Protein backbone atom coordinates (compact mmCIF):
# COMPACT_ATOMS: atom_id res chain seq x y z
CA MET A 1 76.06 67.22 125.65
CA ASN A 2 78.21 69.84 123.96
CA TYR A 3 76.43 72.51 126.03
CA SER A 4 78.10 75.77 126.69
CA LEU A 5 77.55 79.71 127.07
CA ARG A 6 77.65 80.84 123.56
CA ALA A 7 77.57 84.34 121.98
CA ASN A 8 75.68 85.22 118.87
CA ARG A 9 77.93 84.95 115.49
CA LYS A 10 77.37 87.13 112.84
CA TYR A 11 77.32 84.71 109.80
CA LEU A 12 74.16 85.02 107.74
CA GLU A 13 74.12 87.47 104.77
CA SER A 14 71.47 90.02 105.18
CA GLY A 15 68.60 89.53 102.77
CA ASN A 16 70.05 86.08 102.09
CA LYS A 17 68.67 82.84 103.37
CA ASN A 18 71.47 80.90 101.67
CA PRO A 19 74.53 82.28 103.03
CA PRO A 20 77.87 81.63 101.19
CA SER A 21 79.75 78.51 101.68
CA LYS A 22 83.08 78.24 103.41
CA GLU A 23 84.42 77.12 100.03
CA ILE A 24 83.13 80.36 98.41
CA ARG A 25 84.70 82.62 101.47
CA ASN A 26 87.78 80.82 101.06
CA GLU A 27 87.90 81.65 97.39
CA GLN A 28 87.48 85.16 98.02
CA PHE A 29 90.19 85.36 100.45
CA GLU A 30 92.40 83.77 97.89
CA ASN A 31 91.47 86.31 95.34
CA ILE A 32 92.27 89.14 97.57
CA ARG A 33 95.37 87.82 98.50
CA GLU A 34 96.31 87.40 94.74
CA LEU A 35 95.11 91.07 94.10
CA ARG A 36 97.28 92.48 97.09
CA GLU A 37 100.51 90.73 95.94
CA ARG A 38 99.99 91.87 92.14
CA PHE A 39 99.28 95.38 93.16
CA ALA A 40 102.16 95.54 95.44
CA PHE A 41 104.60 94.10 92.81
CA GLU A 42 103.19 96.87 90.29
CA GLY A 43 103.74 99.50 92.75
CA HIS A 44 100.21 100.82 92.79
CA ALA A 45 98.21 101.69 95.93
CA ILE A 46 96.33 99.32 98.06
CA ILE A 47 93.76 100.72 100.72
CA SER A 48 91.41 99.16 103.47
CA VAL A 49 88.33 101.34 104.11
CA ASP A 50 85.57 101.40 106.81
CA SER A 51 83.27 103.30 108.86
CA LYS A 52 83.96 103.60 112.51
CA LYS A 53 80.90 103.66 115.08
CA ARG A 54 79.38 106.95 114.96
CA GLU A 55 80.08 108.81 118.36
CA LEU A 56 78.07 111.44 120.31
CA VAL A 57 80.20 114.54 120.78
CA GLY A 58 79.78 115.83 124.45
CA ASN A 59 80.69 115.00 128.23
CA PHE A 60 79.47 111.65 127.80
CA ARG A 61 80.80 108.14 129.35
CA ASN A 62 83.14 106.48 126.82
CA GLY A 63 83.74 102.88 127.38
CA GLY A 64 87.32 101.60 128.71
CA LYS A 65 89.49 102.90 131.51
CA ALA A 66 92.23 105.61 131.04
CA TYR A 67 95.05 106.41 133.79
CA GLY A 68 94.25 109.54 136.35
CA GLU A 69 94.31 110.49 139.75
CA GLU A 70 90.43 110.55 139.71
CA ALA A 71 87.48 109.41 137.39
CA ALA A 72 86.56 111.73 134.94
CA GLU A 73 82.98 113.02 135.69
CA VAL A 74 80.39 112.64 132.84
CA LEU A 75 76.72 113.07 132.51
CA ASP A 76 74.44 110.48 133.68
CA HIS A 77 72.74 110.12 130.52
CA ASP A 78 73.46 109.92 126.78
CA PHE A 79 70.91 112.39 125.45
CA PRO A 80 71.58 113.40 122.06
CA SER A 81 70.35 116.94 122.98
CA ASP A 82 73.02 117.41 125.39
CA ALA A 83 75.52 116.85 122.57
CA GLN A 84 77.38 119.23 120.37
CA GLY A 85 76.93 116.74 117.31
CA HIS A 86 77.77 113.49 115.87
CA ALA A 87 81.07 112.11 115.03
CA LEU A 88 81.23 109.79 112.02
CA PRO A 89 84.88 108.62 111.51
CA TYR A 90 85.75 107.14 108.13
CA GLY A 91 89.08 105.57 107.88
CA VAL A 92 91.64 104.96 104.73
CA TYR A 93 94.36 102.70 105.75
CA ASP A 94 97.24 102.34 103.38
CA VAL A 95 98.01 98.68 103.61
CA GLN A 96 101.76 99.01 102.24
CA GLY A 97 102.65 102.26 104.22
CA ASN A 98 101.07 101.15 107.45
CA HIS A 99 99.18 104.79 107.52
CA GLY A 100 96.12 105.79 108.32
CA SER A 101 93.84 108.95 107.40
CA VAL A 102 90.65 109.37 109.25
CA PHE A 103 88.00 111.93 108.24
CA VAL A 104 85.61 112.58 110.74
CA GLY A 105 82.22 113.57 109.21
CA THR A 106 79.41 115.59 111.11
CA SER A 107 76.47 114.68 108.91
CA HIS A 108 75.62 111.55 107.51
CA ASP A 109 77.57 108.32 106.43
CA THR A 110 76.77 107.85 102.83
CA ALA A 111 78.74 106.45 99.80
CA GLN A 112 78.61 110.08 98.50
CA PHE A 113 80.65 110.57 102.15
CA ALA A 114 82.65 107.59 101.44
CA VAL A 115 84.16 108.30 98.16
CA ASP A 116 84.77 111.92 98.76
CA ASN A 117 87.00 110.68 101.60
CA ILE A 118 88.98 108.23 99.44
CA LYS A 119 89.36 111.26 96.89
CA ARG A 120 90.62 113.47 99.62
CA TRP A 121 93.12 110.83 100.60
CA TRP A 122 94.39 110.14 97.15
CA LEU A 123 95.02 113.87 96.36
CA GLU A 124 96.35 114.61 99.71
CA VAL A 125 98.76 111.36 100.40
CA GLY A 126 98.23 108.82 97.67
CA ARG A 127 99.44 110.26 94.34
CA LYS A 128 102.52 111.41 96.00
CA ARG A 129 103.50 108.17 97.39
CA TYR A 130 102.25 106.14 94.30
CA GLY A 131 103.08 108.31 91.43
CA HIS A 132 102.53 106.28 88.25
CA PRO A 133 101.67 107.17 84.69
CA ARG A 134 98.52 105.07 84.57
CA PRO A 135 97.66 105.13 88.28
CA LYS A 136 95.63 102.22 89.54
CA LEU A 137 93.97 101.78 93.35
CA LEU A 138 93.01 98.42 94.73
CA ILE A 139 89.95 99.00 97.28
CA LEU A 140 89.23 96.39 100.04
CA ALA A 141 85.82 97.03 101.79
CA ASP A 142 83.31 95.37 103.88
CA CYS A 143 80.33 93.89 101.91
CA GLY A 144 77.88 96.37 103.74
CA GLY A 145 77.53 100.20 104.85
CA SER A 146 78.46 103.17 102.82
CA ASN A 147 80.83 100.78 100.81
CA GLY A 148 78.70 97.93 100.57
CA ALA A 149 79.04 95.69 97.45
CA ARG A 150 75.15 96.06 96.48
CA LEU A 151 74.98 100.02 96.85
CA ARG A 152 74.51 101.27 93.47
CA LEU A 153 75.37 105.00 94.50
CA TRP A 154 78.72 103.43 95.76
CA LYS A 155 79.59 102.22 92.43
CA ALA A 156 78.29 105.46 90.70
CA GLN A 157 80.45 107.81 92.85
CA LEU A 158 83.58 105.76 92.29
CA GLU A 159 83.22 106.27 88.55
CA ARG A 160 82.22 110.00 88.70
CA VAL A 161 84.44 111.12 91.87
CA LEU A 162 87.74 108.65 91.37
CA CYS A 163 87.75 107.41 87.74
CA ASP A 164 86.72 110.44 85.88
CA SER A 165 87.72 113.08 88.30
CA CYS A 166 91.21 111.79 89.10
CA GLY A 167 91.96 109.35 86.21
CA LEU A 168 91.89 106.28 88.28
CA SER A 169 91.48 102.66 87.38
CA VAL A 170 89.90 101.44 90.75
CA SER A 171 89.50 97.76 91.61
CA VAL A 172 87.36 96.89 94.48
CA SER A 173 87.24 93.80 96.53
CA HIS A 174 84.53 93.08 99.42
CA TYR A 175 85.31 90.79 102.23
CA PRO A 176 82.54 88.25 102.60
CA PRO A 177 79.53 88.76 104.90
CA GLY A 178 80.46 88.03 108.63
CA ALA A 179 83.98 88.46 107.74
CA SER A 180 84.60 92.12 108.12
CA LYS A 181 87.24 91.86 111.11
CA TYR A 182 89.70 90.38 108.38
CA ASN A 183 89.61 93.80 106.57
CA PRO A 184 93.13 95.29 107.54
CA ILE A 185 91.69 98.55 108.70
CA GLU A 186 89.72 96.83 111.42
CA HIS A 187 92.75 95.13 113.25
CA ARG A 188 95.28 97.53 112.21
CA LEU A 189 93.85 100.95 112.52
CA LEU A 190 90.28 101.52 113.92
CA CYS A 191 90.71 99.07 117.04
CA GLU A 192 93.91 101.12 117.75
CA ILE A 193 92.05 104.37 117.96
CA SER A 194 89.38 102.70 120.36
CA LYS A 195 92.28 101.75 122.40
CA ASN A 196 93.72 105.15 122.47
CA TRP A 197 90.69 107.17 123.48
CA ALA A 198 89.20 104.35 125.73
CA GLY A 199 87.81 105.83 128.88
CA CYS A 200 88.26 109.49 127.82
CA PRO A 201 85.05 111.48 127.24
CA LEU A 202 85.16 112.84 123.92
CA ARG A 203 83.97 116.43 124.72
CA ASP A 204 84.35 117.94 121.31
CA TYR A 205 85.61 117.46 118.01
CA GLU A 206 89.11 118.74 118.75
CA THR A 207 89.63 116.03 121.40
CA ILE A 208 88.28 113.38 118.77
CA LEU A 209 90.83 114.58 116.39
CA ASN A 210 93.62 114.78 118.76
CA HIS A 211 93.02 111.22 119.96
CA ILE A 212 93.00 109.95 116.40
CA ARG A 213 96.35 111.92 115.48
CA THR A 214 98.05 110.70 118.50
CA THR A 215 97.33 106.88 117.90
CA LYS A 216 100.65 104.67 117.31
CA THR A 217 101.73 101.56 117.40
CA LYS A 218 105.12 99.67 117.80
CA THR A 219 104.97 98.53 114.13
CA GLY A 220 105.09 102.28 112.86
CA LEU A 221 101.58 103.22 112.46
CA ARG A 222 100.86 106.99 111.98
CA VAL A 223 97.59 108.57 111.60
CA ARG A 224 96.49 111.69 110.19
CA ALA A 225 92.69 113.07 110.70
CA ARG A 226 90.40 116.33 109.71
CA LEU A 227 86.86 117.15 110.11
CA VAL A 228 84.47 116.99 107.37
CA THR A 229 81.79 119.69 107.77
CA LYS A 230 80.00 118.97 104.35
CA TYR A 231 76.53 118.04 104.46
CA TYR A 232 75.77 114.65 102.85
CA PRO A 233 72.10 114.06 102.40
CA THR A 234 70.48 110.60 102.24
CA GLY A 235 68.10 108.72 100.06
CA ILE A 236 69.53 109.24 96.97
CA ARG A 237 69.04 106.63 94.35
CA ILE A 238 70.35 105.27 90.99
CA SER A 239 67.82 104.41 88.63
CA ASP A 240 68.19 101.35 86.47
CA LYS A 241 68.88 103.36 83.33
CA GLU A 242 71.93 105.11 85.42
CA PHE A 243 73.10 102.08 86.81
CA LYS A 244 73.38 100.22 83.06
CA GLN A 245 75.46 103.40 81.80
CA LEU A 246 78.12 102.85 84.50
CA ARG A 247 81.26 101.26 83.27
CA PHE A 248 82.09 99.03 85.95
CA GLU A 249 83.11 95.60 84.99
CA PRO A 250 82.39 92.56 87.08
CA SER A 251 85.20 90.10 87.62
CA ASP A 252 85.19 86.71 86.51
CA THR A 253 85.92 85.71 90.15
CA LEU A 254 82.91 86.26 92.20
CA PRO A 255 81.64 89.04 90.39
CA LYS A 256 79.20 90.30 93.00
CA TRP A 257 82.28 90.97 95.36
CA ASN A 258 84.89 91.92 92.58
CA TYR A 259 84.73 94.24 90.05
CA VAL A 260 86.77 97.15 88.18
CA ILE A 261 86.10 100.65 87.10
CA ASP A 262 88.47 102.47 84.39
CA PRO A 263 88.93 105.93 83.67
CA PRO A 264 87.02 107.19 80.31
CA LYS A 265 89.18 106.46 77.33
CA MET A 266 90.76 109.58 75.96
């Protein structure tokens, strides 16, 4: 009768009773493929971004197993009051260079935090590798979270911090709802970090940074990591008036998932 044990499937778009069809999802994947080929051919940067799960910093149980003569002894409960704080890893994965940069925040995972980390990557790594008279950047991101497709603050920060400050032309493509695991950073960087620190208690920030920095793969992945102690407040809103003044231009193809923000004209 076609019955079996089945797990829940993340498929429906939040707040939308009519999820996008398979044809629309496939169209977006084809669009992303074409964008990646064009940016790579022209020598511009392509990055995949996402936040990793918030971690409690302290002597707490960490899932998985690690080699050792004895099992590590950890606290029997994960009480936040026993923690040093929270770790918020935000990753920027260089798709062409197979190189990751992870910024471990201690505050909140907001759009400001996300865009500031992309700027840090560009200033420290990106502009040296992808020097170009008129630099362009393609960002591949999920549909939700601090870099969500519907988040006004995300678009505003991209314009102010990357376009206006760094002179970048930024193109953004979001993976369809329920398809975040196809984002390159998920299966090329973040999952490898999880494997590397599996079974190891994340007792302090230095331990977290060391596990991230020592993450490697047979394909040549190398990862940088740094701690970001800047405080990022929550609840910042972009008014309708401010949003209308933004320069972002929706694409002709699936405009809610694809858009471009150019630097101001001189």
